[in-house]
Amino acid sequence: MSDDNTTDPDVKTEGDVLGARADDSSDTSASKDPSDWVTGDEPMTGPQRSYLDTLAREAGETLPADLTKAQASEHIDRLQSATGRGDGSSS
């Protein structure tokens, strides 16, 4: 019995990689504006909620609990800058 949906793992095809190569700077998915995300209007995820709670406490802020994924991402970026988290520096 053969499965027509299987591929030979030794045969490389264009776009067949999941991880980014060190010299590949053409992938802009990580820097895409959250307001342009297809799922940006869905409720924030559990991990986003948890991380935002931590960041907001450190920054002395309160945030609404009903943020969308896009809004949560924007607040995370802003609060990371405000708290010094996520910038690659060690504290």
PDB file of N, CA and C in Angstrom:
ATOM      1  N   MET A   1       0.851  -1.169   0.000  1.00  0.00           N
ATOM      2  CA  MET A   1       0.000   0.000   0.000  1.00  0.00           C
ATOM      3  C   MET A   1       0.896   1.231   0.000  1.00  0.00           C
ATOM      4  N   SER A   2       0.573   2.190  -0.855  1.00  0.00           N
ATOM      5  CA  SER A   2       1.396   3.401  -0.921  1.00  0.00           C
ATOM      6  C   SER A   2       0.556   4.615  -0.572  1.00  0.00           C
ATOM      7  N   ASP A   3       1.223   5.593  -0.019  1.00  0.00           N
ATOM      8  CA  ASP A   3       0.560   6.836   0.367  1.00  0.00           C
ATOM      9  C   ASP A   3       1.040   7.926  -0.575  1.00  0.00           C
ATOM     10  N   ASP A   4       0.150   8.480  -1.383  1.00  0.00           N
ATOM     11  CA  ASP A   4       0.525   9.494  -2.368  1.00  0.00           C
ATOM     12  C   ASP A   4       0.932  10.809  -1.735  1.00  0.00           C
ATOM     13  N   ASN A   5       0.654  11.002  -0.460  1.00  0.00           N
ATOM     14  CA  ASN A   5       0.971  12.259   0.206  1.00  0.00           C
ATOM     15  C   ASN A   5       2.331  12.257   0.891  1.00  0.00           C
ATOM     16  N   THR A   6       3.079  11.169   0.778  1.00  0.00           N
ATOM     17  CA  THR A   6       4.388  11.124   1.420  1.00  0.00           C
ATOM     18  C   THR A   6       5.445  11.649   0.478  1.00  0.00           C
ATOM     19  N   THR A   7       6.497  12.178   1.033  1.00  0.00           N
ATOM     20  CA  THR A   7       7.610  12.674   0.234  1.00  0.00           C
ATOM     21  C   THR A   7       8.885  12.009   0.704  1.00  0.00           C
ATOM     22  N   ASP A   8       9.830  11.914  -0.185  1.00  0.00           N
ATOM     23  CA  ASP A   8      11.133  11.352   0.151  1.00  0.00           C
ATOM     24  C   ASP A   8      11.881  12.378   0.980  1.00  0.00           C
ATOM     25  N   PRO A   9      12.265  12.056   2.218  1.00  0.00           N
ATOM     26  CA  PRO A   9      12.934  13.041   3.074  1.00  0.00           C
ATOM     27  C   PRO A   9      14.290  13.477   2.547  1.00  0.00           C
ATOM     28  N   ASP A  10      14.871  12.694   1.614  1.00  0.00           N
ATOM     29  CA  ASP A  10      16.172  13.049   1.054  1.00  0.00           C
ATOM     30  C   ASP A  10      16.063  14.004  -0.125  1.00  0.00           C
ATOM     31  N   VAL A  11      14.860  14.201  -0.632  1.00  0.00           N
ATOM     32  CA  VAL A  11      14.661  15.097  -1.770  1.00  0.00           C
ATOM     33  C   VAL A  11      14.262  16.464  -1.240  1.00  0.00           C
ATOM     34  N   LYS A  12      15.109  17.455  -1.489  1.00  0.00           N
ATOM     35  CA  LYS A  12      14.838  18.818  -1.025  1.00  0.00           C
ATOM     36  C   LYS A  12      14.045  19.566  -2.095  1.00  0.00           C
ATOM     37  N   THR A  13      13.017  20.262  -1.662  1.00  0.00           N
ATOM     38  CA  THR A  13      12.242  21.085  -2.577  1.00  0.00           C
ATOM     39  C   THR A  13      12.253  22.519  -2.081  1.00  0.00           C
ATOM     40  N   GLU A  14      11.996  23.450  -2.974  1.00  0.00           N
ATOM     41  CA  GLU A  14      11.966  24.873  -2.622  1.00  0.00           C
ATOM     42  C   GLU A  14      10.944  25.109  -1.520  1.00  0.00           C
ATOM     43  N   GLY A  15      11.341  25.830  -0.479  1.00  0.00           N
ATOM     44  CA  GLY A  15      10.430  26.160   0.613  1.00  0.00           C
ATOM     45  C   GLY A  15      10.186  25.018   1.584  1.00  0.00           C
ATOM     46  N   ASP A  16      11.071  24.027   1.600  1.00  0.00           N
ATOM     47  CA  ASP A  16      10.881  22.835   2.400  1.00  0.00           C
ATOM     48  C   ASP A  16      11.467  22.936   3.799  1.00  0.00           C
ATOM     49  N   VAL A  17      11.876  24.130   4.223  1.00  0.00           N
ATOM     50  CA  VAL A  17      12.488  24.304   5.537  1.00  0.00           C
ATOM     51  C   VAL A  17      11.552  25.031   6.484  1.00  0.00           C
ATOM     52  N   LEU A  18      11.624  24.665   7.750  1.00  0.00           N
ATOM     53  CA  LEU A  18      10.818  25.341   8.761  1.00  0.00           C
ATOM     54  C   LEU A  18      11.620  26.382   9.511  1.00  0.00           C
ATOM     55  N   GLY A  19      12.841  26.068   9.869  1.00  0.00           N
ATOM     56  CA  GLY A  19      13.683  27.010  10.605  1.00  0.00           C
ATOM     57  C   GLY A  19      14.390  27.963   9.667  1.00  0.00           C
ATOM     58  N   ALA A  20      14.655  29.161  10.140  1.00  0.00           N
ATOM     59  CA  ALA A  20      15.342  30.155   9.320  1.00  0.00           C
ATOM     60  C   ALA A  20      16.832  29.877   9.305  1.00  0.00           C
ATOM     61  N   ARG A  21      17.442  30.127   8.178  1.00  0.00           N
ATOM     62  CA  ARG A  21      18.895  30.032   8.079  1.00  0.00           C
ATOM     63  C   ARG A  21      19.492  31.308   8.638  1.00  0.00           C
ATOM     64  N   ALA A  22      20.693  31.213   9.152  1.00  0.00           N
ATOM     65  CA  ALA A  22      21.349  32.360   9.786  1.00  0.00           C
ATOM     66  C   ALA A  22      21.513  33.530   8.830  1.00  0.00           C
ATOM     67  N   ASP A  23      21.703  33.252   7.540  1.00  0.00           N
ATOM     68  CA  ASP A  23      21.926  34.327   6.579  1.00  0.00           C
ATOM     69  C   ASP A  23      20.658  34.724   5.837  1.00  0.00           C
ATOM     70  N   ASP A  24      19.516  34.174   6.227  1.00  0.00           N
ATOM     71  CA  ASP A  24      18.261  34.459   5.533  1.00  0.00           C
ATOM     72  C   ASP A  24      17.524  35.594   6.223  1.00  0.00           C
ATOM     73  N   SER A  25      17.596  36.776   5.643  1.00  0.00           N
ATOM     74  CA  SER A  25      16.909  37.929   6.223  1.00  0.00           C
ATOM     75  C   SER A  25      15.670  38.307   5.417  1.00  0.00           C
ATOM     76  N   SER A  26      15.260  37.434   4.479  1.00  0.00           N
ATOM     77  CA  SER A  26      14.122  37.760   3.632  1.00  0.00           C
ATOM     78  C   SER A  26      12.784  37.448   4.296  1.00  0.00           C
ATOM     79  N   ASP A  27      12.768  36.664   5.372  1.00  0.00           N
ATOM     80  CA  ASP A  27      11.528  36.320   6.053  1.00  0.00           C
ATOM     81  C   ASP A  27      11.088  37.479   6.937  1.00  0.00           C
ATOM     82  N   THR A  28       9.938  38.068   6.601  1.00  0.00           N
ATOM     83  CA  THR A  28       9.448  39.221   7.351  1.00  0.00           C
ATOM     84  C   THR A  28       8.260  38.864   8.235  1.00  0.00           C
ATOM     85  N   SER A  29       7.947  37.574   8.379  1.00  0.00           N
ATOM     86  CA  SER A  29       6.763  37.194   9.147  1.00  0.00           C
ATOM     87  C   SER A  29       6.832  37.654  10.594  1.00  0.00           C
ATOM     88  N   ALA A  30       8.013  37.660  11.181  1.00  0.00           N
ATOM     89  CA  ALA A  30       8.141  38.072  12.577  1.00  0.00           C
ATOM     90  C   ALA A  30       7.947  39.571  12.747  1.00  0.00           C
ATOM     91  N   SER A  31       8.170  40.331  11.696  1.00  0.00           N
ATOM     92  CA  SER A  31       8.048  41.777  11.809  1.00  0.00           C
ATOM     93  C   SER A  31       6.769  42.311  11.167  1.00  0.00           C
ATOM     94  N   LYS A  32       5.860  41.437  10.796  1.00  0.00           N
ATOM     95  CA  LYS A  32       4.602  41.857  10.195  1.00  0.00           C
ATOM     96  C   LYS A  32       3.782  42.631  11.218  1.00  0.00           C
ATOM     97  N   ASP A  33       3.182  43.713  10.781  1.00  0.00           N
ATOM     98  CA  ASP A  33       2.363  44.543  11.660  1.00  0.00           C
ATOM     99  C   ASP A  33       1.211  43.707  12.225  1.00  0.00           C
ATOM    100  N   PRO A  34       1.070  43.650  13.547  1.00  0.00           N
ATOM    101  CA  PRO A  34      -0.001  42.844  14.146  1.00  0.00           C
ATOM    102  C   PRO A  34      -1.393  43.176  13.615  1.00  0.00           C
ATOM    103  N   SER A  35      -1.632  44.409  13.216  1.00  0.00           N
ATOM    104  CA  SER A  35      -2.955  44.759  12.697  1.00  0.00           C
ATOM    105  C   SER A  35      -3.224  44.104  11.347  1.00  0.00           C
ATOM    106  N   ASP A  36      -2.169  43.586  10.692  1.00  0.00           N
ATOM    107  CA  ASP A  36      -2.324  42.900   9.412  1.00  0.00           C
ATOM    108  C   ASP A  36      -2.461  41.388   9.564  1.00  0.00           C
ATOM    109  N   TRP A  37      -2.375  40.870  10.792  1.00  0.00           N
ATOM    110  CA  TRP A  37      -2.480  39.431  11.008  1.00  0.00           C
ATOM    111  C   TRP A  37      -3.882  38.946  10.672  1.00  0.00           C
ATOM    112  N   VAL A  38      -3.964  37.769  10.073  1.00  0.00           N
ATOM    113  CA  VAL A  38      -5.258  37.174   9.759  1.00  0.00           C
ATOM    114  C   VAL A  38      -6.027  36.869  11.044  1.00  0.00           C
ATOM    115  N   THR A  39      -5.324  36.423  12.082  1.00  0.00           N
ATOM    116  CA  THR A  39      -5.975  36.073  13.351  1.00  0.00           C
ATOM    117  C   THR A  39      -5.843  37.177  14.390  1.00  0.00           C
ATOM    118  N   GLY A  40      -5.467  38.363  13.966  1.00  0.00           N
ATOM    119  CA  GLY A  40      -5.223  39.460  14.896  1.00  0.00           C
ATOM    120  C   GLY A  40      -6.420  39.894  15.706  1.00  0.00           C
ATOM    121  N   ASP A  41      -7.634  39.626  15.196  1.00  0.00           N
ATOM    122  CA  ASP A  41      -8.819  40.052  15.933  1.00  0.00           C
ATOM    123  C   ASP A  41      -9.361  38.963  16.861  1.00  0.00           C
ATOM    124  N   GLU A  42      -8.677  37.827  16.930  1.00  0.00           N
ATOM    125  CA  GLU A  42      -9.068  36.770  17.864  1.00  0.00           C
ATOM    126  C   GLU A  42      -8.589  37.130  19.267  1.00  0.00           C
ATOM    127  N   PRO A  43      -9.206  36.560  20.292  1.00  0.00           N
ATOM    128  CA  PRO A  43      -8.758  36.843  21.666  1.00  0.00           C
ATOM    129  C   PRO A  43      -7.300  36.441  21.866  1.00  0.00           C
ATOM    130  N   MET A  44      -6.600  37.181  22.722  1.00  0.00           N
ATOM    131  CA  MET A  44      -5.198  36.858  22.983  1.00  0.00           C
ATOM    132  C   MET A  44      -5.080  35.438  23.519  1.00  0.00           C
ATOM    133  N   THR A  45      -3.909  34.868  23.329  1.00  0.00           N
ATOM    134  CA  THR A  45      -3.661  33.502  23.779  1.00  0.00           C
ATOM    135  C   THR A  45      -3.340  33.483  25.272  1.00  0.00           C
ATOM    136  N   GLY A  46      -3.378  32.308  25.853  1.00  0.00           N
ATOM    137  CA  GLY A  46      -3.019  32.150  27.257  1.00  0.00           C
ATOM    138  C   GLY A  46      -1.600  32.613  27.553  1.00  0.00           C
ATOM    139  N   PRO A  47      -0.626  32.199  26.722  1.00  0.00           N
ATOM    140  CA  PRO A  47       0.739  32.674  26.961  1.00  0.00           C
ATOM    141  C   PRO A  47       0.878  34.193  26.843  1.00  0.00           C
ATOM    142  N   GLN A  48       0.155  34.805  25.903  1.00  0.00           N
ATOM    143  CA  GLN A  48       0.188  36.267  25.791  1.00  0.00           C
ATOM    144  C   GLN A  48      -0.360  36.896  27.067  1.00  0.00           C
ATOM    145  N   ARG A  49      -1.472  36.370  27.560  1.00  0.00           N
ATOM    146  CA  ARG A  49      -2.104  36.908  28.769  1.00  0.00           C
ATOM    147  C   ARG A  49      -1.148  36.814  29.961  1.00  0.00           C
ATOM    148  N   SER A  50      -0.508  35.670  30.106  1.00  0.00           N
ATOM    149  CA  SER A  50       0.411  35.465  31.221  1.00  0.00           C
ATOM    150  C   SER A  50       1.608  36.410  31.137  1.00  0.00           C
ATOM    151  N   TYR A  51       2.189  36.518  29.940  1.00  0.00           N
ATOM    152  CA  TYR A  51       3.363  37.375  29.779  1.00  0.00           C
ATOM    153  C   TYR A  51       2.991  38.844  29.949  1.00  0.00           C
ATOM    154  N   LEU A  52       1.836  39.237  29.413  1.00  0.00           N
ATOM    155  CA  LEU A  52       1.376  40.622  29.578  1.00  0.00           C
ATOM    156  C   LEU A  52       1.140  40.950  31.048  1.00  0.00           C
ATOM    157  N   ASP A  53       0.598  40.010  31.796  1.00  0.00           N
ATOM    158  CA  ASP A  53       0.379  40.228  33.226  1.00  0.00           C
ATOM    159  C   ASP A  53       1.711  40.504  33.919  1.00  0.00           C
ATOM    160  N   THR A  54       2.719  39.694  33.590  1.00  0.00           N
ATOM    161  CA  THR A  54       4.050  39.888  34.178  1.00  0.00           C
ATOM    162  C   THR A  54       4.631  41.240  33.790  1.00  0.00           C
ATOM    163  N   LEU A  55       4.584  41.563  32.493  1.00  0.00           N
ATOM    164  CA  LEU A  55       5.148  42.833  32.022  1.00  0.00           C
ATOM    165  C   LEU A  55       4.419  44.033  32.615  1.00  0.00           C
ATOM    166  N   ALA A  56       3.086  43.964  32.649  1.00  0.00           N
ATOM    167  CA  ALA A  56       2.301  45.082  33.175  1.00  0.00           C
ATOM    168  C   ALA A  56       2.599  45.311  34.654  1.00  0.00           C
ATOM    169  N   ARG A  57       2.740  44.237  35.422  1.00  0.00           N
ATOM    170  CA  ARG A  57       3.075  44.371  36.845  1.00  0.00           C
ATOM    171  C   ARG A  57       4.435  45.037  37.006  1.00  0.00           C
ATOM    172  N   GLU A  58       5.412  44.591  36.204  1.00  0.00           N
ATOM    173  CA  GLU A  58       6.750  45.172  36.289  1.00  0.00           C
ATOM    174  C   GLU A  58       6.753  46.644  35.900  1.00  0.00           C
ATOM    175  N   ALA A  59       5.892  47.009  34.944  1.00  0.00           N
ATOM    176  CA  ALA A  59       5.833  48.392  34.483  1.00  0.00           C
ATOM    177  C   ALA A  59       4.883  49.239  35.321  1.00  0.00           C
ATOM    178  N   GLY A  60       4.154  48.617  36.254  1.00  0.00           N
ATOM    179  CA  GLY A  60       3.205  49.351  37.085  1.00  0.00           C
ATOM    180  C   GLY A  60       1.977  49.798  36.322  1.00  0.00           C
ATOM    181  N   GLU A  61       1.572  49.010  35.329  1.00  0.00           N
ATOM    182  CA  GLU A  61       0.404  49.347  34.508  1.00  0.00           C
ATOM    183  C   GLU A  61      -0.690  48.308  34.684  1.00  0.00           C
ATOM    184  N   THR A  62      -1.903  48.702  34.305  1.00  0.00           N
ATOM    185  CA  THR A  62      -3.000  47.751  34.204  1.00  0.00           C
ATOM    186  C   THR A  62      -3.485  47.770  32.765  1.00  0.00           C
ATOM    187  N   LEU A  63      -3.926  46.621  32.292  1.00  0.00           N
ATOM    188  CA  LEU A  63      -4.415  46.488  30.922  1.00  0.00           C
ATOM    189  C   LEU A  63      -5.748  45.760  30.937  1.00  0.00           C
ATOM    190  N   PRO A  64      -6.607  46.025  29.958  1.00  0.00           N
ATOM    191  CA  PRO A  64      -7.868  45.290  29.888  1.00  0.00           C
ATOM    192  C   PRO A  64      -7.597  43.806  29.638  1.00  0.00           C
ATOM    193  N   ALA A  65      -8.450  42.949  30.157  1.00  0.00           N
ATOM    194  CA  ALA A  65      -8.258  41.507  30.027  1.00  0.00           C
ATOM    195  C   ALA A  65      -8.838  40.946  28.738  1.00  0.00           C
ATOM    196  N   ASP A  66      -9.501  41.788  27.945  1.00  0.00           N
ATOM    197  CA  ASP A  66     -10.153  41.293  26.730  1.00  0.00           C
ATOM    198  C   ASP A  66      -9.453  41.752  25.449  1.00  0.00           C
ATOM    199  N   LEU A  67      -8.137  41.800  25.467  1.00  0.00           N
ATOM    200  CA  LEU A  67      -7.374  42.241  24.302  1.00  0.00           C
ATOM    201  C   LEU A  67      -7.399  41.190  23.194  1.00  0.00           C
ATOM    202  N   THR A  68      -7.218  41.648  21.959  1.00  0.00           N
ATOM    203  CA  THR A  68      -7.055  40.730  20.840  1.00  0.00           C
ATOM    204  C   THR A  68      -5.593  40.307  20.752  1.00  0.00           C
ATOM    205  N   LYS A  69      -5.319  39.316  19.909  1.00  0.00           N
ATOM    206  CA  LYS A  69      -3.937  38.879  19.708  1.00  0.00           C
ATOM    207  C   LYS A  69      -3.071  40.040  19.243  1.00  0.00           C
ATOM    208  N   ALA A  70      -3.586  40.832  18.303  1.00  0.00           N
ATOM    209  CA  ALA A  70      -2.817  41.955  17.765  1.00  0.00           C
ATOM    210  C   ALA A  70      -2.562  43.011  18.836  1.00  0.00           C
ATOM    211  N   GLN A  71      -3.599  43.355  19.593  1.00  0.00           N
ATOM    212  CA  GLN A  71      -3.430  44.348  20.658  1.00  0.00           C
ATOM    213  C   GLN A  71      -2.447  43.855  21.717  1.00  0.00           C
ATOM    214  N   ALA A  72      -2.559  42.581  22.076  1.00  0.00           N
ATOM    215  CA  ALA A  72      -1.651  42.009  23.075  1.00  0.00           C
ATOM    216  C   ALA A  72      -0.213  42.077  22.586  1.00  0.00           C
ATOM    217  N   SER A  73       0.003  41.760  21.322  1.00  0.00           N
ATOM    218  CA  SER A  73       1.352  41.799  20.766  1.00  0.00           C
ATOM    219  C   SER A  73       1.925  43.206  20.805  1.00  0.00           C
ATOM    220  N   GLU A  74       1.101  44.191  20.480  1.00  0.00           N
ATOM    221  CA  GLU A  74       1.563  45.582  20.508  1.00  0.00           C
ATOM    222  C   GLU A  74       1.918  46.010  21.935  1.00  0.00           C
ATOM    223  N   HIS A  75       1.094  45.611  22.900  1.00  0.00           N
ATOM    224  CA  HIS A  75       1.396  45.937  24.302  1.00  0.00           C
ATOM    225  C   HIS A  75       2.659  45.210  24.769  1.00  0.00           C
ATOM    226  N   ILE A  76       2.832  43.967  24.348  1.00  0.00           N
ATOM    227  CA  ILE A  76       4.034  43.219  24.716  1.00  0.00           C
ATOM    228  C   ILE A  76       5.273  43.937  24.201  1.00  0.00           C
ATOM    229  N   ASP A  77       5.247  44.344  22.936  1.00  0.00           N
ATOM    230  CA  ASP A  77       6.398  45.068  22.368  1.00  0.00           C
ATOM    231  C   ASP A  77       6.685  46.338  23.162  1.00  0.00           C
ATOM    232  N   ARG A  78       5.636  47.091  23.453  1.00  0.00           N
ATOM    233  CA  ARG A  78       5.796  48.356  24.167  1.00  0.00           C
ATOM    234  C   ARG A  78       6.326  48.132  25.581  1.00  0.00           C
ATOM    235  N   LEU A  79       5.752  47.161  26.272  1.00  0.00           N
ATOM    236  CA  LEU A  79       6.154  46.906  27.652  1.00  0.00           C
ATOM    237  C   LEU A  79       7.533  46.260  27.747  1.00  0.00           C
ATOM    238  N   GLN A  80       7.906  45.486  26.740  1.00  0.00           N
ATOM    239  CA  GLN A  80       9.264  44.942  26.729  1.00  0.00           C
ATOM    240  C   GLN A  80      10.271  46.081  26.673  1.00  0.00           C
ATOM    241  N   SER A  81       9.985  47.078  25.866  1.00  0.00           N
ATOM    242  CA  SER A  81      10.874  48.239  25.788  1.00  0.00           C
ATOM    243  C   SER A  81      10.898  48.995  27.112  1.00  0.00           C
ATOM    244  N   ALA A  82       9.724  49.157  27.706  1.00  0.00           N
ATOM    245  CA  ALA A  82       9.628  49.911  28.959  1.00  0.00           C
ATOM    246  C   ALA A  82      10.328  49.209  30.120  1.00  0.00           C
ATOM    247  N   THR A  83      10.310  47.873  30.120  1.00  0.00           N
ATOM    248  CA  THR A  83      10.889  47.126  31.237  1.00  0.00           C
ATOM    249  C   THR A  83      12.294  46.615  30.955  1.00  0.00           C
ATOM    250  N   GLY A  84      12.740  46.739  29.712  1.00  0.00           N
ATOM    251  CA  GLY A  84      14.061  46.225  29.360  1.00  0.00           C
ATOM    252  C   GLY A  84      14.080  44.734  29.095  1.00  0.00           C
ATOM    253  N   ARG A  85      12.915  44.107  29.045  1.00  0.00           N
ATOM    254  CA  ARG A  85      12.831  42.675  28.741  1.00  0.00           C
ATOM    255  C   ARG A  85      12.811  42.486  27.231  1.00  0.00           C
ATOM    256  N   GLY A  86      13.335  41.373  26.796  1.00  0.00           N
ATOM    257  CA  GLY A  86      13.243  41.027  25.388  1.00  0.00           C
ATOM    258  C   GLY A  86      14.181  41.780  24.482  1.00  0.00           C
ATOM    259  N   ASP A  87      15.094  42.583  25.033  1.00  0.00           N
ATOM    260  CA  ASP A  87      16.007  43.342  24.178  1.00  0.00           C
ATOM    261  C   ASP A  87      17.370  42.681  24.055  1.00  0.00           C
ATOM    262  N   GLY A  88      17.501  41.481  24.603  1.00  0.00           N
ATOM    263  CA  GLY A  88      18.751  40.758  24.494  1.00  0.00           C
ATOM    264  C   GLY A  88      19.790  41.112  25.536  1.00  0.00           C
ATOM    265  N   SER A  89      19.515  42.108  26.368  1.00  0.00           N
ATOM    266  CA  SER A  89      20.484  42.467  27.404  1.00  0.00           C
ATOM    267  C   SER A  89      20.228  41.629  28.643  1.00  0.00           C
ATOM    268  N   SER A  90      21.262  41.386  29.396  1.00  0.00           N
ATOM    269  CA  SER A  90      21.081  40.646  30.640  1.00  0.00           C
ATOM    270  C   SER A  90      21.020  41.624  31.797  1.00  0.00           C
ATOM    271  N   SER A  91      20.111  41.370  32.716  1.00  0.00           N
ATOM    272  CA  SER A  91      19.921  42.271  33.850  1.00  0.00           C
ATOM    273  C   SER A  91      20.502  41.686  35.105  1.00  0.00           C
TER     274      SER A  91
END
